């Protein structure tokens, strides 16, 4: 599988659409354990990306990632903006000067840089009930060409059983158990739309 600027923009267009479709659900997930605005925030971020793209089409794959990074950082409140922004910025650096990504493994390496960007910014580990609980295993599966929708769903659902160690949800301790992490859910949508593309 080869990934071009067009493939990546198609992916992000689909991601935009799916975030808008799930906006209410994401905010509902965020209500018991966060500020209740994750869906609205993410929708603002992807819209800002679409607005930037309408003004100037990205020329390289790195441009696409950078455009999404800037949109997330400037428009998405809470922890999600800086975390997603760090991920896309790291992905932009990892894909510098690339006109195409020649294989799924290469894409996995770029996404791995994104996961490390999140880790660095959020100081979180896997099993801390964050988006990393989806990013880390999804990137590993993608690298092995074994990523499926079932697995993505499983990783998102798994955050239900975890005690939050980061962010606002961490103040709830055990009471956060039983709730899916909203950032994990939006990350699940991100990887699911990659599979569709």
C-alpha atoms as a PDB file:
ATOM      1  CA  UNK A   1       0.000   0.000   0.000  1.00  0.00           C
ATOM      2  CA  UNK A   2       1.326   3.408  -0.974  1.00  0.00           C
ATOM      3  CA  UNK A   3       0.238   6.583   0.784  1.00  0.00           C
ATOM      4  CA  UNK A   4       0.339   9.927  -1.027  1.00  0.00           C
ATOM      5  CA  UNK A   5      -0.688  13.459  -0.068  1.00  0.00           C
ATOM      6  CA  UNK A   6      -4.105  12.589  -1.553  1.00  0.00           C
ATOM      7  CA  UNK A   7      -4.423   9.410   0.533  1.00  0.00           C
ATOM      8  CA  UNK A   8      -3.603  11.264   3.744  1.00  0.00           C
ATOM      9  CA  UNK A   9      -5.965  14.158   2.985  1.00  0.00           C
ATOM     10  CA  UNK A  10      -8.721  11.623   2.152  1.00  0.00           C
ATOM     11  CA  UNK A  11      -8.061   9.981   5.498  1.00  0.00           C
ATOM     12  CA  UNK A  12      -8.280  13.306   7.351  1.00  0.00           C
ATOM     13  CA  UNK A  13     -11.436  14.269   5.435  1.00  0.00           C
ATOM     14  CA  UNK A  14     -13.018  11.012   6.563  1.00  0.00           C
ATOM     15  CA  UNK A  15     -11.758  11.629  10.116  1.00  0.00           C
ATOM     16  CA  UNK A  16     -13.393  15.084  10.028  1.00  0.00           C
ATOM     17  CA  UNK A  17     -16.683  13.555   8.926  1.00  0.00           C
ATOM     18  CA  UNK A  18     -16.595  10.823  11.592  1.00  0.00           C
ATOM     19  CA  UNK A  19     -15.676  13.253  14.395  1.00  0.00           C
ATOM     20  CA  UNK A  20     -18.700  15.344  13.427  1.00  0.00           C
ATOM     21  CA  UNK A  21     -20.908  12.256  13.404  1.00  0.00           C
ATOM     22  CA  UNK A  22     -19.668  11.223  16.868  1.00  0.00           C
ATOM     23  CA  UNK A  23     -19.389  14.716  18.350  1.00  0.00           C
ATOM     24  CA  UNK A  24     -22.225  14.231  20.857  1.00  0.00           C
ATOM     25  CA  UNK A  25     -21.046  10.762  21.879  1.00  0.00           C
ATOM     26  CA  UNK A  26     -17.505  12.045  22.542  1.00  0.00           C
ATOM     27  CA  UNK A  27     -18.798  14.880  24.708  1.00  0.00           C
ATOM     28  CA  UNK A  28     -21.147  12.481  26.538  1.00  0.00           C
ATOM     29  CA  UNK A  29     -18.181  10.203  27.314  1.00  0.00           C
ATOM     30  CA  UNK A  30     -16.285  13.231  28.584  1.00  0.00           C
ATOM     31  CA  UNK A  31     -19.123  14.425  30.859  1.00  0.00           C
ATOM     32  CA  UNK A  32     -18.703  11.976  33.787  1.00  0.00           C
ATOM     33  CA  UNK A  33     -14.886  12.076  33.826  1.00  0.00           C
ATOM     34  CA  UNK A  34     -13.861  15.362  32.183  1.00  0.00           C
ATOM     35  CA  UNK A  35     -15.220  18.746  31.067  1.00  0.00           C
ATOM     36  CA  UNK A  36     -17.898  17.318  28.768  1.00  0.00           C
ATOM     37  CA  UNK A  37     -16.554  19.122  25.718  1.00  0.00           C
ATOM     38  CA  UNK A  38     -14.243  16.642  23.973  1.00  0.00           C
ATOM     39  CA  UNK A  39     -16.570  16.185  20.989  1.00  0.00           C
ATOM     40  CA  UNK A  40     -17.115  19.909  20.431  1.00  0.00           C
ATOM     41  CA  UNK A  41     -13.402  20.579  20.854  1.00  0.00           C
ATOM     42  CA  UNK A  42     -12.386  17.882  18.354  1.00  0.00           C
ATOM     43  CA  UNK A  43     -15.023  19.105  15.883  1.00  0.00           C
ATOM     44  CA  UNK A  44     -13.559  22.623  16.124  1.00  0.00           C
ATOM     45  CA  UNK A  45     -10.077  21.234  15.489  1.00  0.00           C
ATOM     46  CA  UNK A  46     -10.967  19.233  12.388  1.00  0.00           C
ATOM     47  CA  UNK A  47     -12.979  22.174  11.043  1.00  0.00           C
ATOM     48  CA  UNK A  48      -9.953  24.453  11.473  1.00  0.00           C
ATOM     49  CA  UNK A  49      -7.925  21.911   9.499  1.00  0.00           C
ATOM     50  CA  UNK A  50     -10.547  21.921   6.713  1.00  0.00           C
ATOM     51  CA  UNK A  51     -10.539  25.741   6.638  1.00  0.00           C
ATOM     52  CA  UNK A  52      -6.731  25.839   6.368  1.00  0.00           C
ATOM     53  CA  UNK A  53      -6.761  23.214   3.611  1.00  0.00           C
ATOM     54  CA  UNK A  54      -9.408  25.156   1.669  1.00  0.00           C
ATOM     55  CA  UNK A  55      -7.078  28.167   1.660  1.00  0.00           C
ATOM     56  CA  UNK A  56      -3.963  26.264   0.609  1.00  0.00           C
ATOM     57  CA  UNK A  57      -3.744  22.614  -0.360  1.00  0.00           C
ATOM     58  CA  UNK A  58      -0.822  20.892   1.386  1.00  0.00           C
ATOM     59  CA  UNK A  59       1.971  19.940  -1.002  1.00  0.00           C
ATOM     60  CA  UNK A  60       3.748  17.264   0.995  1.00  0.00           C
ATOM     61  CA  UNK A  61       2.636  14.623   3.457  1.00  0.00           C
ATOM     62  CA  UNK A  62       4.440  16.530   6.208  1.00  0.00           C
ATOM     63  CA  UNK A  63       2.381  19.629   5.280  1.00  0.00           C
ATOM     64  CA  UNK A  64      -0.842  17.681   5.855  1.00  0.00           C
ATOM     65  CA  UNK A  65       0.275  16.525   9.307  1.00  0.00           C
ATOM     66  CA  UNK A  66       1.540  19.988  10.192  1.00  0.00           C
ATOM     67  CA  UNK A  67      -1.726  21.605   9.113  1.00  0.00           C
ATOM     68  CA  UNK A  68      -3.684  19.230  11.357  1.00  0.00           C
ATOM     69  CA  UNK A  69      -1.203  19.854  14.206  1.00  0.00           C
ATOM     70  CA  UNK A  70      -1.677  23.622  14.002  1.00  0.00           C
ATOM     71  CA  UNK A  71      -5.468  23.257  13.825  1.00  0.00           C
ATOM     72  CA  UNK A  72      -5.522  21.040  16.911  1.00  0.00           C
ATOM     73  CA  UNK A  73      -3.172  23.252  18.907  1.00  0.00           C
ATOM     74  CA  UNK A  74      -5.007  26.470  18.043  1.00  0.00           C
ATOM     75  CA  UNK A  75      -8.630  25.303  18.305  1.00  0.00           C
ATOM     76  CA  UNK A  76      -8.931  22.300  20.633  1.00  0.00           C
ATOM     77  CA  UNK A  77      -9.169  23.118  24.326  1.00  0.00           C
ATOM     78  CA  UNK A  78      -8.225  20.977  27.277  1.00  0.00           C
ATOM     79  CA  UNK A  79      -5.463  18.401  27.145  1.00  0.00           C
ATOM     80  CA  UNK A  80      -6.525  16.962  23.792  1.00  0.00           C
ATOM     81  CA  UNK A  81      -5.360  19.894  21.669  1.00  0.00           C
ATOM     82  CA  UNK A  82      -1.735  19.858  22.814  1.00  0.00           C
ATOM     83  CA  UNK A  83      -1.630  16.031  22.796  1.00  0.00           C
ATOM     84  CA  UNK A  84      -3.042  15.601  19.303  1.00  0.00           C
ATOM     85  CA  UNK A  85      -1.003  18.605  18.205  1.00  0.00           C
ATOM     86  CA  UNK A  86       2.194  17.004  19.537  1.00  0.00           C
ATOM     87  CA  UNK A  87       1.329  13.746  17.750  1.00  0.00           C
ATOM     88  CA  UNK A  88       0.771  15.392  14.371  1.00  0.00           C
ATOM     89  CA  UNK A  89       3.820  17.638  14.766  1.00  0.00           C
ATOM     90  CA  UNK A  90       6.010  14.588  15.469  1.00  0.00           C
ATOM     91  CA  UNK A  91       4.458  12.860  12.448  1.00  0.00           C
ATOM     92  CA  UNK A  92       5.225  15.899  10.291  1.00  0.00           C
ATOM     93  CA  UNK A  93       8.870  15.745  11.373  1.00  0.00           C
ATOM     94  CA  UNK A  94       9.029  11.986  10.773  1.00  0.00           C
ATOM     95  CA  UNK A  95       7.652  12.356   7.244  1.00  0.00           C
ATOM     96  CA  UNK A  96       9.704  15.404   6.223  1.00  0.00           C
ATOM     97  CA  UNK A  97      10.470  15.609   2.481  1.00  0.00           C
ATOM     98  CA  UNK A  98       8.306  12.567   1.664  1.00  0.00           C
ATOM     99  CA  UNK A  99       6.086  12.752  -1.396  1.00  0.00           C
ATOM    100  CA  UNK A 100       4.840   9.223  -0.719  1.00  0.00           C
ATOM    101  CA  UNK A 101       4.922   6.741   2.114  1.00  0.00           C
ATOM    102  CA  UNK A 102       5.804   3.533   0.353  1.00  0.00           C
ATOM    103  CA  UNK A 103       4.478   0.918   2.778  1.00  0.00           C
ATOM    104  CA  UNK A 104       2.220   0.325   5.742  1.00  0.00           C
ATOM    105  CA  UNK A 105       5.336  -0.337   7.857  1.00  0.00           C
ATOM    106  CA  UNK A 106       6.671   3.089   6.959  1.00  0.00           C
ATOM    107  CA  UNK A 107       3.352   4.666   7.916  1.00  0.00           C
ATOM    108  CA  UNK A 108       3.493   2.740  11.211  1.00  0.00           C
ATOM    109  CA  UNK A 109       6.926   4.263  11.920  1.00  0.00           C
ATOM    110  CA  UNK A 110       5.510   7.756  11.364  1.00  0.00           C
ATOM    111  CA  UNK A 111       2.559   6.992  13.639  1.00  0.00           C
ATOM    112  CA  UNK A 112       4.992   5.582  16.201  1.00  0.00           C
ATOM    113  CA  UNK A 113       6.671   9.020  16.231  1.00  0.00           C
ATOM    114  CA  UNK A 114       3.191  10.456  16.875  1.00  0.00           C
ATOM    115  CA  UNK A 115       2.642   8.108  19.819  1.00  0.00           C
ATOM    116  CA  UNK A 116       6.010   9.148  21.253  1.00  0.00           C
ATOM    117  CA  UNK A 117       5.001  12.788  20.816  1.00  0.00           C
ATOM    118  CA  UNK A 118       1.879  12.138  22.908  1.00  0.00           C
ATOM    119  CA  UNK A 119       3.903  10.270  25.510  1.00  0.00           C
ATOM    120  CA  UNK A 120       6.441  13.070  25.778  1.00  0.00           C
ATOM    121  CA  UNK A 121       3.839  15.797  26.064  1.00  0.00           C
ATOM    122  CA  UNK A 122       1.437  13.959  28.406  1.00  0.00           C
ATOM    123  CA  UNK A 123       4.018  12.039  30.464  1.00  0.00           C
ATOM    124  CA  UNK A 124       1.630   9.075  30.305  1.00  0.00           C
ATOM    125  CA  UNK A 125       2.192   5.356  29.824  1.00  0.00           C
ATOM    126  CA  UNK A 126      -0.005   2.642  28.404  1.00  0.00           C
ATOM    127  CA  UNK A 127      -2.693   1.517  30.902  1.00  0.00           C
ATOM    128  CA  UNK A 128      -3.001   5.077  32.318  1.00  0.00           C
ATOM    129  CA  UNK A 129      -6.482   5.353  30.680  1.00  0.00           C
ATOM    130  CA  UNK A 130      -5.468   7.809  27.963  1.00  0.00           C
ATOM    131  CA  UNK A 131      -5.360   7.943  24.169  1.00  0.00           C
ATOM    132  CA  UNK A 132      -2.051   6.045  24.355  1.00  0.00           C
ATOM    133  CA  UNK A 133      -4.036   2.915  25.252  1.00  0.00           C
ATOM    134  CA  UNK A 134      -5.242   3.040  21.651  1.00  0.00           C
ATOM    135  CA  UNK A 135      -2.248   4.593  19.879  1.00  0.00           C
ATOM    136  CA  UNK A 136       0.416   2.196  21.190  1.00  0.00           C
ATOM    137  CA  UNK A 137      -1.286  -1.122  20.334  1.00  0.00           C
ATOM    138  CA  UNK A 138      -2.780   0.187  17.071  1.00  0.00           C
ATOM    139  CA  UNK A 139       0.624   1.296  15.800  1.00  0.00           C
ATOM    140  CA  UNK A 140       2.120  -2.089  16.736  1.00  0.00           C
ATOM    141  CA  UNK A 141      -0.704  -3.931  14.937  1.00  0.00           C
ATOM    142  CA  UNK A 142      -0.386  -1.684  11.894  1.00  0.00           C
ATOM    143  CA  UNK A 143       3.312  -2.454  11.724  1.00  0.00           C
ATOM    144  CA  UNK A 144       2.467  -6.180  11.660  1.00  0.00           C
ATOM    145  CA  UNK A 145      -0.347  -5.500   9.138  1.00  0.00           C
ATOM    146  CA  UNK A 146      -2.787  -6.899  11.678  1.00  0.00           C
ATOM    147  CA  UNK A 147      -4.854  -3.857  12.582  1.00  0.00           C
ATOM    148  CA  UNK A 148      -8.604  -4.547  12.424  1.00  0.00           C
ATOM    149  CA  UNK A 149     -11.727  -2.673  13.478  1.00  0.00           C
ATOM    150  CA  UNK A 150     -12.386  -5.359  16.102  1.00  0.00           C
ATOM    151  CA  UNK A 151      -8.991  -4.758  17.683  1.00  0.00           C
ATOM    152  CA  UNK A 152      -9.446  -0.973  17.683  1.00  0.00           C
ATOM    153  CA  UNK A 153     -12.810  -1.381  19.411  1.00  0.00           C
ATOM    154  CA  UNK A 154     -11.250  -3.740  21.953  1.00  0.00           C
ATOM    155  CA  UNK A 155      -8.490  -1.221  22.809  1.00  0.00           C
ATOM    156  CA  UNK A 156     -11.029   1.603  23.231  1.00  0.00           C
ATOM    157  CA  UNK A 157     -13.321  -0.595  25.383  1.00  0.00           C
ATOM    158  CA  UNK A 158     -10.369  -1.684  27.523  1.00  0.00           C
ATOM    159  CA  UNK A 159     -10.017   1.869  28.897  1.00  0.00           C
ATOM    160  CA  UNK A 160     -13.329   1.275  30.713  1.00  0.00           C
ATOM    161  CA  UNK A 161     -11.569  -1.068  33.149  1.00  0.00           C
ATOM    162  CA  UNK A 162      -8.664   1.240  33.925  1.00  0.00           C
ATOM    163  CA  UNK A 163      -8.107   3.752  36.714  1.00  0.00           C
ATOM    164  CA  UNK A 164      -7.131   7.102  35.221  1.00  0.00           C
ATOM    165  CA  UNK A 165      -3.638   8.273  36.133  1.00  0.00           C
ATOM    166  CA  UNK A 166      -3.624  11.474  34.062  1.00  0.00           C
ATOM    167  CA  UNK A 167      -5.819  14.472  33.434  1.00  0.00           C
ATOM    168  CA  UNK A 168      -9.067  15.471  35.085  1.00  0.00           C
ATOM    169  CA  UNK A 169     -10.291  11.864  35.225  1.00  0.00           C
ATOM    170  CA  UNK A 170      -7.406  11.008  37.571  1.00  0.00           C
ATOM    171  CA  UNK A 171      -9.121  13.032  40.329  1.00  0.00           C
ATOM    172  CA  UNK A 172     -11.938  10.476  40.332  1.00  0.00           C
ATOM    173  CA  UNK A 173      -9.711   7.515  41.213  1.00  0.00           C
ATOM    174  CA  UNK A 174     -11.730   4.294  41.168  1.00  0.00           C
ATOM    175  CA  UNK A 175     -14.897   6.149  40.106  1.00  0.00           C
ATOM    176  CA  UNK A 176     -13.449   6.560  36.612  1.00  0.00           C
ATOM    177  CA  UNK A 177     -13.704   2.780  36.172  1.00  0.00           C
ATOM    178  CA  UNK A 178     -16.605   1.864  33.911  1.00  0.00           C
ATOM    179  CA  UNK A 179     -16.118   4.910  31.687  1.00  0.00           C
ATOM    180  CA  UNK A 180     -14.385   4.835  28.314  1.00  0.00           C
ATOM    181  CA  UNK A 181     -11.667   7.469  27.979  1.00  0.00           C
ATOM    182  CA  UNK A 182     -12.913  10.090  25.461  1.00  0.00           C
ATOM    183  CA  UNK A 183      -9.421  10.636  24.010  1.00  0.00           C
ATOM    184  CA  UNK A 184      -9.110   6.893  23.500  1.00  0.00           C
ATOM    185  CA  UNK A 185     -12.476   6.911  21.713  1.00  0.00           C
ATOM    186  CA  UNK A 186     -11.517   9.745  19.335  1.00  0.00           C
ATOM    187  CA  UNK A 187      -8.179   7.999  18.735  1.00  0.00           C
ATOM    188  CA  UNK A 188     -10.115   4.839  17.899  1.00  0.00           C
ATOM    189  CA  UNK A 189     -12.033   6.821  15.275  1.00  0.00           C
ATOM    190  CA  UNK A 190      -8.720   8.120  13.935  1.00  0.00           C
ATOM    191  CA  UNK A 191      -7.349   4.596  13.383  1.00  0.00           C
ATOM    192  CA  UNK A 192     -10.693   3.255  12.129  1.00  0.00           C
ATOM    193  CA  UNK A 193     -10.807   5.932   9.412  1.00  0.00           C
ATOM    194  CA  UNK A 194      -7.239   4.999   8.453  1.00  0.00           C
ATOM    195  CA  UNK A 195      -8.416   1.440   7.807  1.00  0.00           C
ATOM    196  CA  UNK A 196     -11.295   2.749   5.670  1.00  0.00           C
ATOM    197  CA  UNK A 197      -8.901   4.819   3.622  1.00  0.00           C
END
